[in-house]
Every structure is written in C-alpha cells, then in structure tokens.
Amino acid sequence: MRTPPTATSEYLVLCHGTSWDKILSPADIENVVKQFYDWFERLSKEGKMRSGHRLAAEGKIVSRPKAVMDGPFAESKEAIAGYWFIQAATLEEAVEIAKGNPLSGLRSNA
C-alpha cells in the first residue's frame, strides 16, 4: 500500500562549527541558547521542526577497515556540530526557516 504524498517534505540541516561559544560571554551564551530553544520550540509546535541534536565535540574518523584516527580536528571550521530536520513545502521555505536560527552567523575566529 502506498502512502499518499504530503504537501511538505523533510529537509536535513547540518550545523557547522563547534566553537561558536568561545566568542561570547557567559551571559551572551545563555541569552542566545534561550533564543535558540524558544525558536526551535515554536517551530516544533507549528509542525515545521521535526527533531535535531547537538553532537559531541570529540569523535573518531573511520576511513577504511581498521583505520581509525582521532577527530574531529580542532583546526576544522567545518566540523559538524549538530543537525535538525525541517518540515517545509519547498526548499526555499526550509532555507528561510533555517536562516531564522539565532545561532546562525556565530563563528569563532579561532
């Protein structure tokens, strides 16, 4: 039995940067994290945000059988820090939702 198509699709958003908080004071971190959770909760209630998770900063890189290296590397500004699933009618709508993230644009110069 086929599932009927829906008016929306699910889009995966990957969050880059693991040291955004290094450029903020503790009070600023608390404020922006509260803004993020308020934003995320509002979108969840609207059915626009499905789920998401922050990832651990440490990890391993497995590149082939029995080849394991420490990682992610501190010098990598492109490390994946987390992800979310956005429910939207179009890619353009998903992009607009993602652009509303209070944490977007925060980058460490480290």
PDB file of N, CA and C in Angstrom:
ATOM      1  N   MET A   1       0.842  -1.178   0.000  1.00  0.00           N
ATOM      2  CA  MET A   1       0.000   0.000   0.000  1.00  0.00           C
ATOM      3  C   MET A   1       0.887   1.240   0.000  1.00  0.00           C
ATOM      4  N   ARG A   2       0.626   2.166  -0.884  1.00  0.00           N
ATOM      5  CA  ARG A   2       1.426   3.385  -0.987  1.00  0.00           C
ATOM      6  C   ARG A   2       0.909   4.438  -0.019  1.00  0.00           C
ATOM      7  N   THR A   3       1.847   5.176   0.553  1.00  0.00           N
ATOM      8  CA  THR A   3       1.495   6.309   1.397  1.00  0.00           C
ATOM      9  C   THR A   3       1.211   7.488   0.486  1.00  0.00           C
ATOM     10  N   PRO A   4       0.081   8.177   0.679  1.00  0.00           N
ATOM     11  CA  PRO A   4      -0.197   9.320  -0.192  1.00  0.00           C
ATOM     12  C   PRO A   4       0.829  10.431   0.016  1.00  0.00           C
ATOM     13  N   PRO A   5       1.162  11.169  -1.041  1.00  0.00           N
ATOM     14  CA  PRO A   5       2.125  12.259  -0.901  1.00  0.00           C
ATOM     15  C   PRO A   5       1.575  13.345   0.025  1.00  0.00           C
ATOM     16  N   THR A   6       2.481  14.005   0.720  1.00  0.00           N
ATOM     17  CA  THR A   6       2.081  15.095   1.598  1.00  0.00           C
ATOM     18  C   THR A   6       2.452  16.420   0.948  1.00  0.00           C
ATOM     19  N   ALA A   7       1.946  17.477   1.532  1.00  0.00           N
ATOM     20  CA  ALA A   7       2.219  18.814   0.993  1.00  0.00           C
ATOM     21  C   ALA A   7       3.588  19.325   1.419  1.00  0.00           C
ATOM     22  N   THR A   8       4.261  18.575   2.297  1.00  0.00           N
ATOM     23  CA  THR A   8       5.571  19.025   2.765  1.00  0.00           C
ATOM     24  C   THR A   8       6.599  17.921   2.596  1.00  0.00           C
ATOM     25  N   SER A   9       7.859  18.313   2.654  1.00  0.00           N
ATOM     26  CA  SER A   9       8.984  17.380   2.612  1.00  0.00           C
ATOM     27  C   SER A   9       9.863  17.637   3.824  1.00  0.00           C
ATOM     28  N   GLU A  10      10.704  16.668   4.115  1.00  0.00           N
ATOM     29  CA  GLU A  10      11.627  16.814   5.234  1.00  0.00           C
ATOM     30  C   GLU A  10      12.999  17.180   4.686  1.00  0.00           C
ATOM     31  N   TYR A  11      13.618  18.210   5.274  1.00  0.00           N
ATOM     32  CA  TYR A  11      14.935  18.681   4.850  1.00  0.00           C
ATOM     33  C   TYR A  11      15.898  18.554   6.014  1.00  0.00           C
ATOM     34  N   LEU A  12      17.089  18.045   5.736  1.00  0.00           N
ATOM     35  CA  LEU A  12      18.134  17.900   6.739  1.00  0.00           C
ATOM     36  C   LEU A  12      19.027  19.132   6.719  1.00  0.00           C
ATOM     37  N   VAL A  13      19.210  19.742   7.883  1.00  0.00           N
ATOM     38  CA  VAL A  13      20.099  20.896   8.024  1.00  0.00           C
ATOM     39  C   VAL A  13      21.290  20.462   8.866  1.00  0.00           C
ATOM     40  N   LEU A  14      22.496  20.614   8.339  1.00  0.00           N
ATOM     41  CA  LEU A  14      23.717  20.303   9.081  1.00  0.00           C
ATOM     42  C   LEU A  14      24.290  21.588   9.643  1.00  0.00           C
ATOM     43  N   CYS A  15      24.614  21.574  10.921  1.00  0.00           N
ATOM     44  CA  CYS A  15      25.166  22.754  11.601  1.00  0.00           C
ATOM     45  C   CYS A  15      26.681  22.614  11.675  1.00  0.00           C
ATOM     46  N   HIS A  16      27.381  23.620  11.187  1.00  0.00           N
ATOM     47  CA  HIS A  16      28.844  23.631  11.191  1.00  0.00           C
ATOM     48  C   HIS A  16      29.360  24.475  12.345  1.00  0.00           C
ATOM     49  N   GLY A  17      30.578  24.180  12.765  1.00  0.00           N
ATOM     50  CA  GLY A  17      31.259  24.995  13.766  1.00  0.00           C
ATOM     51  C   GLY A  17      31.010  24.487  15.157  1.00  0.00           C
ATOM     52  N   THR A  18      32.073  24.171  15.863  1.00  0.00           N
ATOM     53  CA  THR A  18      31.940  23.616  17.203  1.00  0.00           C
ATOM     54  C   THR A  18      32.425  24.578  18.285  1.00  0.00           C
ATOM     55  N   SER A  19      32.890  25.760  17.916  1.00  0.00           N
ATOM     56  CA  SER A  19      33.444  26.662  18.928  1.00  0.00           C
ATOM     57  C   SER A  19      32.807  28.053  18.884  1.00  0.00           C
ATOM     58  N   TRP A  20      31.550  28.144  18.439  1.00  0.00           N
ATOM     59  CA  TRP A  20      30.853  29.433  18.358  1.00  0.00           C
ATOM     60  C   TRP A  20      30.776  30.116  19.717  1.00  0.00           C
ATOM     61  N   ASP A  21      30.695  29.332  20.791  1.00  0.00           N
ATOM     62  CA  ASP A  21      30.525  29.898  22.127  1.00  0.00           C
ATOM     63  C   ASP A  21      31.798  30.554  22.662  1.00  0.00           C
ATOM     64  N   LYS A  22      32.925  30.335  22.038  1.00  0.00           N
ATOM     65  CA  LYS A  22      34.189  30.910  22.507  1.00  0.00           C
ATOM     66  C   LYS A  22      34.251  32.424  22.302  1.00  0.00           C
ATOM     67  N   ILE A  23      33.390  32.969  21.443  1.00  0.00           N
ATOM     68  CA  ILE A  23      33.421  34.402  21.154  1.00  0.00           C
ATOM     69  C   ILE A  23      32.402  35.180  21.985  1.00  0.00           C
ATOM     70  N   LEU A  24      31.671  34.468  22.871  1.00  0.00           N
ATOM     71  CA  LEU A  24      30.604  35.107  23.644  1.00  0.00           C
ATOM     72  C   LEU A  24      30.874  35.048  25.144  1.00  0.00           C
ATOM     73  N   SER A  25      30.331  36.006  25.864  1.00  0.00           N
ATOM     74  CA  SER A  25      30.400  35.982  27.323  1.00  0.00           C
ATOM     75  C   SER A  25      29.405  34.939  27.830  1.00  0.00           C
ATOM     76  N   PRO A  26      29.535  34.479  29.078  1.00  0.00           N
ATOM     77  CA  PRO A  26      28.566  33.519  29.628  1.00  0.00           C
ATOM     78  C   PRO A  26      27.124  34.029  29.557  1.00  0.00           C
ATOM     79  N   ALA A  27      26.915  35.307  29.815  1.00  0.00           N
ATOM     80  CA  ALA A  27      25.559  35.872  29.734  1.00  0.00           C
ATOM     81  C   ALA A  27      25.034  35.850  28.306  1.00  0.00           C
ATOM     82  N   ASP A  28      25.902  36.169  27.338  1.00  0.00           N
ATOM     83  CA  ASP A  28      25.506  36.131  25.929  1.00  0.00           C
ATOM     84  C   ASP A  28      25.192  34.704  25.481  1.00  0.00           C
ATOM     85  N   ILE A  29      25.981  33.731  25.952  1.00  0.00           N
ATOM     86  CA  ILE A  29      25.724  32.328  25.628  1.00  0.00           C
ATOM     87  C   ILE A  29      24.351  31.927  26.152  1.00  0.00           C
ATOM     88  N   GLU A  30      24.069  32.256  27.398  1.00  0.00           N
ATOM     89  CA  GLU A  30      22.776  31.919  27.990  1.00  0.00           C
ATOM     90  C   GLU A  30      21.637  32.552  27.194  1.00  0.00           C
ATOM     91  N   ASN A  31      21.793  33.788  26.799  1.00  0.00           N
ATOM     92  CA  ASN A  31      20.767  34.501  26.046  1.00  0.00           C
ATOM     93  C   ASN A  31      20.531  33.868  24.672  1.00  0.00           C
ATOM     94  N   VAL A  32      21.600  33.607  23.929  1.00  0.00           N
ATOM     95  CA  VAL A  32      21.429  33.070  22.581  1.00  0.00           C
ATOM     96  C   VAL A  32      20.916  31.630  22.620  1.00  0.00           C
ATOM     97  N   VAL A  33      21.306  30.845  23.620  1.00  0.00           N
ATOM     98  CA  VAL A  33      20.799  29.479  23.747  1.00  0.00           C
ATOM     99  C   VAL A  33      19.306  29.506  24.069  1.00  0.00           C
ATOM    100  N   LYS A  34      18.874  30.437  24.924  1.00  0.00           N
ATOM    101  CA  LYS A  34      17.441  30.578  25.216  1.00  0.00           C
ATOM    102  C   LYS A  34      16.681  30.964  23.945  1.00  0.00           C
ATOM    103  N   GLN A  35      17.229  31.904  23.188  1.00  0.00           N
ATOM    104  CA  GLN A  35      16.598  32.297  21.921  1.00  0.00           C
ATOM    105  C   GLN A  35      16.476  31.098  20.977  1.00  0.00           C
ATOM    106  N   PHE A  36      17.542  30.281  20.920  1.00  0.00           N
ATOM    107  CA  PHE A  36      17.518  29.105  20.049  1.00  0.00           C
ATOM    108  C   PHE A  36      16.409  28.142  20.480  1.00  0.00           C
ATOM    109  N   TYR A  37      16.355  27.825  21.778  1.00  0.00           N
ATOM    110  CA  TYR A  37      15.337  26.873  22.243  1.00  0.00           C
ATOM    111  C   TYR A  37      13.932  27.423  22.070  1.00  0.00           C
ATOM    112  N   ASP A  38      13.723  28.711  22.254  1.00  0.00           N
ATOM    113  CA  ASP A  38      12.407  29.321  22.001  1.00  0.00           C
ATOM    114  C   ASP A  38      12.043  29.186  20.518  1.00  0.00           C
ATOM    115  N   TRP A  39      12.995  29.482  19.641  1.00  0.00           N
ATOM    116  CA  TRP A  39      12.797  29.370  18.191  1.00  0.00           C
ATOM    117  C   TRP A  39      12.475  27.933  17.804  1.00  0.00           C
ATOM    118  N   PHE A  40      13.272  26.989  18.312  1.00  0.00           N
ATOM    119  CA  PHE A  40      13.099  25.576  17.996  1.00  0.00           C
ATOM    120  C   PHE A  40      11.739  25.070  18.490  1.00  0.00           C
ATOM    121  N   GLU A  41      11.353  25.429  19.709  1.00  0.00           N
ATOM    122  CA  GLU A  41      10.073  25.002  20.277  1.00  0.00           C
ATOM    123  C   GLU A  41       8.891  25.570  19.489  1.00  0.00           C
ATOM    124  N   ARG A  42       8.976  26.845  19.115  1.00  0.00           N
ATOM    125  CA  ARG A  42       7.904  27.463  18.335  1.00  0.00           C
ATOM    126  C   ARG A  42       7.719  26.731  17.006  1.00  0.00           C
ATOM    127  N   LEU A  43       8.826  26.456  16.322  1.00  0.00           N
ATOM    128  CA  LEU A  43       8.739  25.753  15.045  1.00  0.00           C
ATOM    129  C   LEU A  43       8.243  24.319  15.223  1.00  0.00           C
ATOM    130  N   SER A  44       8.610  23.678  16.315  1.00  0.00           N
ATOM    131  CA  SER A  44       8.127  22.329  16.595  1.00  0.00           C
ATOM    132  C   SER A  44       6.614  22.333  16.766  1.00  0.00           C
ATOM    133  N   LYS A  45       6.102  23.302  17.511  1.00  0.00           N
ATOM    134  CA  LYS A  45       4.655  23.417  17.716  1.00  0.00           C
ATOM    135  C   LYS A  45       3.917  23.700  16.409  1.00  0.00           C
ATOM    136  N   GLU A  46       4.566  24.422  15.496  1.00  0.00           N
ATOM    137  CA  GLU A  46       3.975  24.734  14.187  1.00  0.00           C
ATOM    138  C   GLU A  46       4.088  23.563  13.207  1.00  0.00           C
ATOM    139  N   GLY A  47       4.798  22.490  13.606  1.00  0.00           N
ATOM    140  CA  GLY A  47       4.987  21.344  12.729  1.00  0.00           C
ATOM    141  C   GLY A  47       6.075  21.554  11.694  1.00  0.00           C
ATOM    142  N   LYS A  48       6.905  22.560  11.881  1.00  0.00           N
ATOM    143  CA  LYS A  48       7.974  22.880  10.920  1.00  0.00           C
ATOM    144  C   LYS A  48       9.315  22.246  11.296  1.00  0.00           C
ATOM    145  N   MET A  49       9.488  21.914  12.567  1.00  0.00           N
ATOM    146  CA  MET A  49      10.747  21.343  13.038  1.00  0.00           C
ATOM    147  C   MET A  49      10.449  19.941  13.564  1.00  0.00           C
ATOM    148  N   ARG A  50      11.112  18.940  12.988  1.00  0.00           N
ATOM    149  CA  ARG A  50      10.832  17.567  13.377  1.00  0.00           C
ATOM    150  C   ARG A  50      11.695  17.124  14.557  1.00  0.00           C
ATOM    151  N   SER A  51      12.971  17.313  14.487  1.00  0.00           N
ATOM    152  CA  SER A  51      13.883  16.941  15.566  1.00  0.00           C
ATOM    153  C   SER A  51      15.248  17.519  15.246  1.00  0.00           C
ATOM    154  N   GLY A  52      16.147  17.394  16.186  1.00  0.00           N
ATOM    155  CA  GLY A  52      17.512  17.853  15.979  1.00  0.00           C
ATOM    156  C   GLY A  52      18.339  17.537  17.200  1.00  0.00           C
ATOM    157  N   HIS A  53      19.637  17.514  17.017  1.00  0.00           N
ATOM    158  CA  HIS A  53      20.536  17.194  18.122  1.00  0.00           C
ATOM    159  C   HIS A  53      21.880  17.874  17.935  1.00  0.00           C
ATOM    160  N   ARG A  54      22.446  18.305  19.052  1.00  0.00           N
ATOM    161  CA  ARG A  54      23.830  18.774  19.059  1.00  0.00           C
ATOM    162  C   ARG A  54      24.706  17.536  19.179  1.00  0.00           C
ATOM    163  N   LEU A  55      25.806  17.510  18.487  1.00  0.00           N
ATOM    164  CA  LEU A  55      26.710  16.365  18.515  1.00  0.00           C
ATOM    165  C   LEU A  55      27.875  16.620  19.457  1.00  0.00           C
ATOM    166  N   ALA A  56      28.457  15.550  19.964  1.00  0.00           N
ATOM    167  CA  ALA A  56      29.623  15.653  20.834  1.00  0.00           C
ATOM    168  C   ALA A  56      30.783  16.258  20.052  1.00  0.00           C
ATOM    169  N   ALA A  57      31.616  17.025  20.720  1.00  0.00           N
ATOM    170  CA  ALA A  57      32.747  17.678  20.055  1.00  0.00           C
ATOM    171  C   ALA A  57      33.871  16.691  19.754  1.00  0.00           C
ATOM    172  N   GLU A  58      33.954  15.608  20.506  1.00  0.00           N
ATOM    173  CA  GLU A  58      35.012  14.634  20.266  1.00  0.00           C
ATOM    174  C   GLU A  58      34.469  13.476  19.438  1.00  0.00           C
ATOM    175  N   GLY A  59      35.372  12.753  18.801  1.00  0.00           N
ATOM    176  CA  GLY A  59      34.949  11.623  17.995  1.00  0.00           C
ATOM    177  C   GLY A  59      36.124  10.926  17.358  1.00  0.00           C
ATOM    178  N   LYS A  60      35.831  10.011  16.487  1.00  0.00           N
ATOM    179  CA  LYS A  60      36.839   9.264  15.734  1.00  0.00           C
ATOM    180  C   LYS A  60      36.469   9.316  14.262  1.00  0.00           C
ATOM    181  N   ILE A  61      37.463   9.200  13.409  1.00  0.00           N
ATOM    182  CA  ILE A  61      37.251   9.143  11.972  1.00  0.00           C
ATOM    183  C   ILE A  61      37.620   7.739  11.519  1.00  0.00           C
ATOM    184  N   VAL A  62      36.658   7.056  10.908  1.00  0.00           N
ATOM    185  CA  VAL A  62      36.886   5.715  10.380  1.00  0.00           C
ATOM    186  C   VAL A  62      36.893   5.844   8.862  1.00  0.00           C
ATOM    187  N   SER A  63      38.070   5.641   8.242  1.00  0.00           N
ATOM    188  CA  SER A  63      38.182   5.872   6.807  1.00  0.00           C
ATOM    189  C   SER A  63      38.241   4.597   5.981  1.00  0.00           C
ATOM    190  N   ARG A  64      38.612   3.521   6.578  1.00  0.00           N
ATOM    191  CA  ARG A  64      38.621   2.226   5.892  1.00  0.00           C
ATOM    192  C   ARG A  64      38.742   1.155   6.978  1.00  0.00           C
ATOM    193  N   PRO A  65      38.599  -0.076   6.627  1.00  0.00           N
ATOM    194  CA  PRO A  65      38.662  -1.109   7.670  1.00  0.00           C
ATOM    195  C   PRO A  65      39.932  -1.004   8.508  1.00  0.00           C
ATOM    196  N   LYS A  66      39.746  -0.952   9.786  1.00  0.00           N
ATOM    197  CA  LYS A  66      40.831  -0.920  10.785  1.00  0.00           C
ATOM    198  C   LYS A  66      41.671   0.344  10.749  1.00  0.00           C
ATOM    199  N   ALA A  67      41.206   1.404  10.086  1.00  0.00           N
ATOM    200  CA  ALA A  67      41.929   2.680  10.079  1.00  0.00           C
ATOM    201  C   ALA A  67      41.091   3.691  10.849  1.00  0.00           C
ATOM    202  N   VAL A  68      41.457   3.915  12.110  1.00  0.00           N
ATOM    203  CA  VAL A  68      40.706   4.815  12.976  1.00  0.00           C
ATOM    204  C   VAL A  68      41.652   5.907  13.458  1.00  0.00           C
ATOM    205  N   MET A  69      41.219   7.164  13.315  1.00  0.00           N
ATOM    206  CA  MET A  69      42.031   8.304  13.751  1.00  0.00           C
ATOM    207  C   MET A  69      41.218   9.146  14.724  1.00  0.00           C
ATOM    208  N   ASP A  70      41.909   9.877  15.576  1.00  0.00           N
ATOM    209  CA  ASP A  70      41.222  10.819  16.444  1.00  0.00           C
ATOM    210  C   ASP A  70      40.620  11.921  15.604  1.00  0.00           C
ATOM    211  N   GLY A  71      39.531  12.488  16.071  1.00  0.00           N
ATOM    212  CA  GLY A  71      38.891  13.571  15.350  1.00  0.00           C
ATOM    213  C   GLY A  71      37.638  13.972  16.091  1.00  0.00           C
ATOM    214  N   PRO A  72      36.882  14.953  15.691  1.00  0.00           N
ATOM    215  CA  PRO A  72      37.240  15.863  14.609  1.00  0.00           C
ATOM    216  C   PRO A  72      38.427  16.721  15.011  1.00  0.00           C
ATOM    217  N   PHE A  73      39.086  17.289  14.047  1.00  0.00           N
ATOM    218  CA  PHE A  73      40.291  18.046  14.310  1.00  0.00           C
ATOM    219  C   PHE A  73      39.969  19.484  14.666  1.00  0.00           C
ATOM    220  N   ALA A  74      40.658  20.004  15.640  1.00  0.00           N
ATOM    221  CA  ALA A  74      40.388  21.352  16.146  1.00  0.00           C
ATOM    222  C   ALA A  74      40.498  22.413  15.060  1.00  0.00           C
ATOM    223  N   GLU A  75      41.386  22.212  14.102  1.00  0.00           N
ATOM    224  CA  GLU A  75      41.555  23.225  13.060  1.00  0.00           C
ATOM    225  C   GLU A  75      40.431  23.201  12.033  1.00  0.00           C
ATOM    226  N   SER A  76      39.564  22.225  12.096  1.00  0.00           N
ATOM    227  CA  SER A  76      38.468  22.130  11.141  1.00  0.00           C
ATOM    228  C   SER A  76      37.342  23.074  11.522  1.00  0.00           C
ATOM    229  N   LYS A  77      37.093  24.086  10.701  1.00  0.00           N
ATOM    230  CA  LYS A  77      35.983  25.004  10.940  1.00  0.00           C
ATOM    231  C   LYS A  77      34.697  24.458  10.343  1.00  0.00           C
ATOM    232  N   GLU A  78      34.800  23.344   9.648  1.00  0.00           N
ATOM    233  CA  GLU A  78      33.637  22.743   9.003  1.00  0.00           C
ATOM    234  C   GLU A  78      33.120  21.518   9.750  1.00  0.00           C
ATOM    235  N   ALA A  79      33.592  21.272  10.972  1.00  0.00           N
ATOM    236  CA  ALA A  79      33.128  20.119  11.735  1.00  0.00           C
ATOM    237  C   ALA A  79      31.617  20.207  11.925  1.00  0.00           C
ATOM    238  N   ILE A  80      30.952  19.076  11.814  1.00  0.00           N
ATOM    239  CA  ILE A  80      29.509  19.040  12.001  1.00  0.00           C
ATOM    240  C   ILE A  80      29.225  19.091  13.499  1.00  0.00           C
ATOM    241  N   ALA A  81      28.476  20.094  13.916  1.00  0.00           N
ATOM    242  CA  ALA A  81      28.181  20.296  15.332  1.00  0.00           C
ATOM    243  C   ALA A  81      26.797  19.770  15.710  1.00  0.00           C
ATOM    244  N   GLY A  82      25.932  19.613  14.730  1.00  0.00           N
ATOM    245  CA  GLY A  82      24.592  19.133  15.012  1.00  0.00           C
ATOM    246  C   GLY A  82      23.762  19.095  13.749  1.00  0.00           C
ATOM    247  N   TYR A  83      22.496  18.718  13.916  1.00  0.00           N
ATOM    248  CA  TYR A  83      21.599  18.642  12.770  1.00  0.00           C
ATOM    249  C   TYR A  83      20.157  18.815  13.223  1.00  0.00           C
ATOM    250  N   TRP A  84      19.292  19.182  12.277  1.00  0.00           N
ATOM    251  CA  TRP A  84      17.854  19.231  12.510  1.00  0.00           C
ATOM    252  C   TRP A  84      17.148  18.809  11.249  1.00  0.00           C
ATOM    253  N   PHE A  85      15.902  18.401  11.434  1.00  0.00           N
ATOM    254  CA  PHE A  85      15.034  18.082  10.306  1.00  0.00           C
ATOM    255  C   PHE A  85      13.931  19.129  10.261  1.00  0.00           C
ATOM    256  N   ILE A  86      13.833  19.807   9.138  1.00  0.00           N
ATOM    257  CA  ILE A  86      12.803  20.823   8.934  1.00  0.00           C
ATOM    258  C   ILE A  86      11.745  20.251   8.002  1.00  0.00           C
ATOM    259  N   GLN A  87      10.488  20.479   8.353  1.00  0.00           N
ATOM    260  CA  GLN A  87       9.358  20.087   7.518  1.00  0.00           C
ATOM    261  C   GLN A  87       8.880  21.341   6.799  1.00  0.00           C
ATOM    262  N   ALA A  88       8.926  21.330   5.461  1.00  0.00           N
ATOM    263  CA  ALA A  88       8.556  22.516   4.691  1.00  0.00           C
ATOM    264  C   ALA A  88       7.969  22.119   3.343  1.00  0.00           C
ATOM    265  N   ALA A  89       7.216  23.036   2.759  1.00  0.00           N
ATOM    266  CA  ALA A  89       6.592  22.793   1.459  1.00  0.00           C
ATOM    267  C   ALA A  89       7.607  22.837   0.322  1.00  0.00           C
ATOM    268  N   THR A  90       8.645  23.668   0.471  1.00  0.00           N
ATOM    269  CA  THR A  90       9.654  23.825  -0.575  1.00  0.00           C
ATOM    270  C   THR A  90      11.037  23.977   0.050  1.00  0.00           C
ATOM    271  N   LEU A  91      12.041  23.785  -0.758  1.00  0.00           N
ATOM    272  CA  LEU A  91      13.407  24.014  -0.303  1.00  0.00           C
ATOM    273  C   LEU A  91      13.582  25.463   0.124  1.00  0.00           C
ATOM    274  N   GLU A  92      12.996  26.381  -0.623  1.00  0.00           N
ATOM    275  CA  GLU A  92      13.110  27.808  -0.296  1.00  0.00           C
ATOM    276  C   GLU A  92      12.528  28.102   1.090  1.00  0.00           C
ATOM    277  N   GLU A  93      11.389  27.478   1.408  1.00  0.00           N
ATOM    278  CA  GLU A  93      10.797  27.670   2.739  1.00  0.00           C
ATOM    279  C   GLU A  93      11.716  27.099   3.817  1.00  0.00           C
ATOM    280  N   ALA A  94      12.301  25.920   3.564  1.00  0.00           N
ATOM    281  CA  ALA A  94      13.220  25.324   4.528  1.00  0.00           C
ATOM    282  C   ALA A  94      14.428  26.228   4.773  1.00  0.00           C
ATOM    283  N   VAL A  95      14.949  26.832   3.719  1.00  0.00           N
ATOM    284  CA  VAL A  95      16.085  27.755   3.853  1.00  0.00           C
ATOM    285  C   VAL A  95      15.694  28.955   4.702  1.00  0.00           C
ATOM    286  N   GLU A  96      14.519  29.517   4.465  1.00  0.00           N
ATOM    287  CA  GLU A  96      14.062  30.666   5.256  1.00  0.00           C
ATOM    288  C   GLU A  96      13.907  30.297   6.732  1.00  0.00           C
ATOM    289  N   ILE A  97      13.395  29.106   7.000  1.00  0.00           N
ATOM    290  CA  ILE A  97      13.268  28.647   8.389  1.00  0.00           C
ATOM    291  C   ILE A  97      14.649  28.527   9.013  1.00  0.00           C
ATOM    292  N   ALA A  98      15.579  27.890   8.317  1.00  0.00           N
ATOM    293  CA  ALA A  98      16.935  27.696   8.842  1.00  0.00           C
ATOM    294  C   ALA A  98      17.639  29.025   9.082  1.00  0.00           C
ATOM    295  N   LYS A  99      17.396  30.008   8.228  1.00  0.00           N
ATOM    296  CA  LYS A  99      18.031  31.328   8.389  1.00  0.00           C
ATOM    297  C   LYS A  99      17.561  32.030   9.659  1.00  0.00           C
ATOM    298  N   GLY A 100      16.432  31.613  10.219  1.00  0.00           N
ATOM    299  CA  GLY A 100      15.938  32.210  11.454  1.00  0.00           C
ATOM    300  C   GLY A 100      16.636  31.723  12.711  1.00  0.00           C
ATOM    301  N   ASN A 101      17.528  30.761  12.576  1.00  0.00           N
ATOM    302  CA  ASN A 101      18.256  30.210  13.717  1.00  0.00           C
ATOM    303  C   ASN A 101      19.076  31.305  14.398  1.00  0.00           C
ATOM    304  N   PRO A 102      18.816  31.575  15.692  1.00  0.00           N
ATOM    305  CA  PRO A 102      19.574  32.612  16.398  1.00  0.00           C
ATOM    306  C   PRO A 102      21.073  32.333  16.485  1.00  0.00           C
ATOM    307  N   LEU A 103      21.475  31.077  16.309  1.00  0.00           N
ATOM    308  CA  LEU A 103      22.902  30.739  16.378  1.00  0.00           C
ATOM    309  C   LEU A 103      23.599  30.891  15.027  1.00  0.00           C
ATOM    310  N   SER A 104      22.833  31.044  13.946  1.00  0.00           N
ATOM    311  CA  SER A 104      23.490  31.140  12.635  1.00  0.00           C
ATOM    312  C   SER A 104      24.287  32.435  12.560  1.00  0.00           C
ATOM    313  N   GLY A 105      25.398  32.358  11.919  1.00  0.00           N
ATOM    314  CA  GLY A 105      26.253  33.529  11.788  1.00  0.00           C
ATOM    315  C   GLY A 105      27.264  33.679  12.903  1.00  0.00           C
ATOM    316  N   LEU A 106      27.094  32.923  14.001  1.00  0.00           N
ATOM    317  CA  LEU A 106      28.085  32.989  15.073  1.00  0.00           C
ATOM    318  C   LEU A 106      29.240  32.087  14.708  1.00  0.00           C
ATOM    319  N   ARG A 107      30.387  32.644  14.534  1.00  0.00           N
ATOM    320  CA  ARG A 107      31.580  31.883  14.176  1.00  0.00           C
ATOM    321  C   ARG A 107      32.741  32.362  15.032  1.00  0.00           C
ATOM    322  N   SER A 108      33.530  31.406  15.453  1.00  0.00           N
ATOM    323  CA  SER A 108      34.740  31.738  16.180  1.00  0.00           C
ATOM    324  C   SER A 108      35.849  32.044  15.179  1.00  0.00           C
ATOM    325  N   ASN A 109      36.716  32.955  15.507  1.00  0.00           N
ATOM    326  CA  ASN A 109      37.871  33.227  14.673  1.00  0.00           C
ATOM    327  C   ASN A 109      39.049  32.325  15.013  1.00  0.00           C
ATOM    328  N   ALA A 110      38.808  31.442  15.981  1.00  0.00           N
ATOM    329  CA  ALA A 110      39.873  30.532  16.412  1.00  0.00           C
ATOM    330  C   ALA A 110      40.146  29.493  15.369  1.00  0.00           C
TER     331      ALA A 110
END
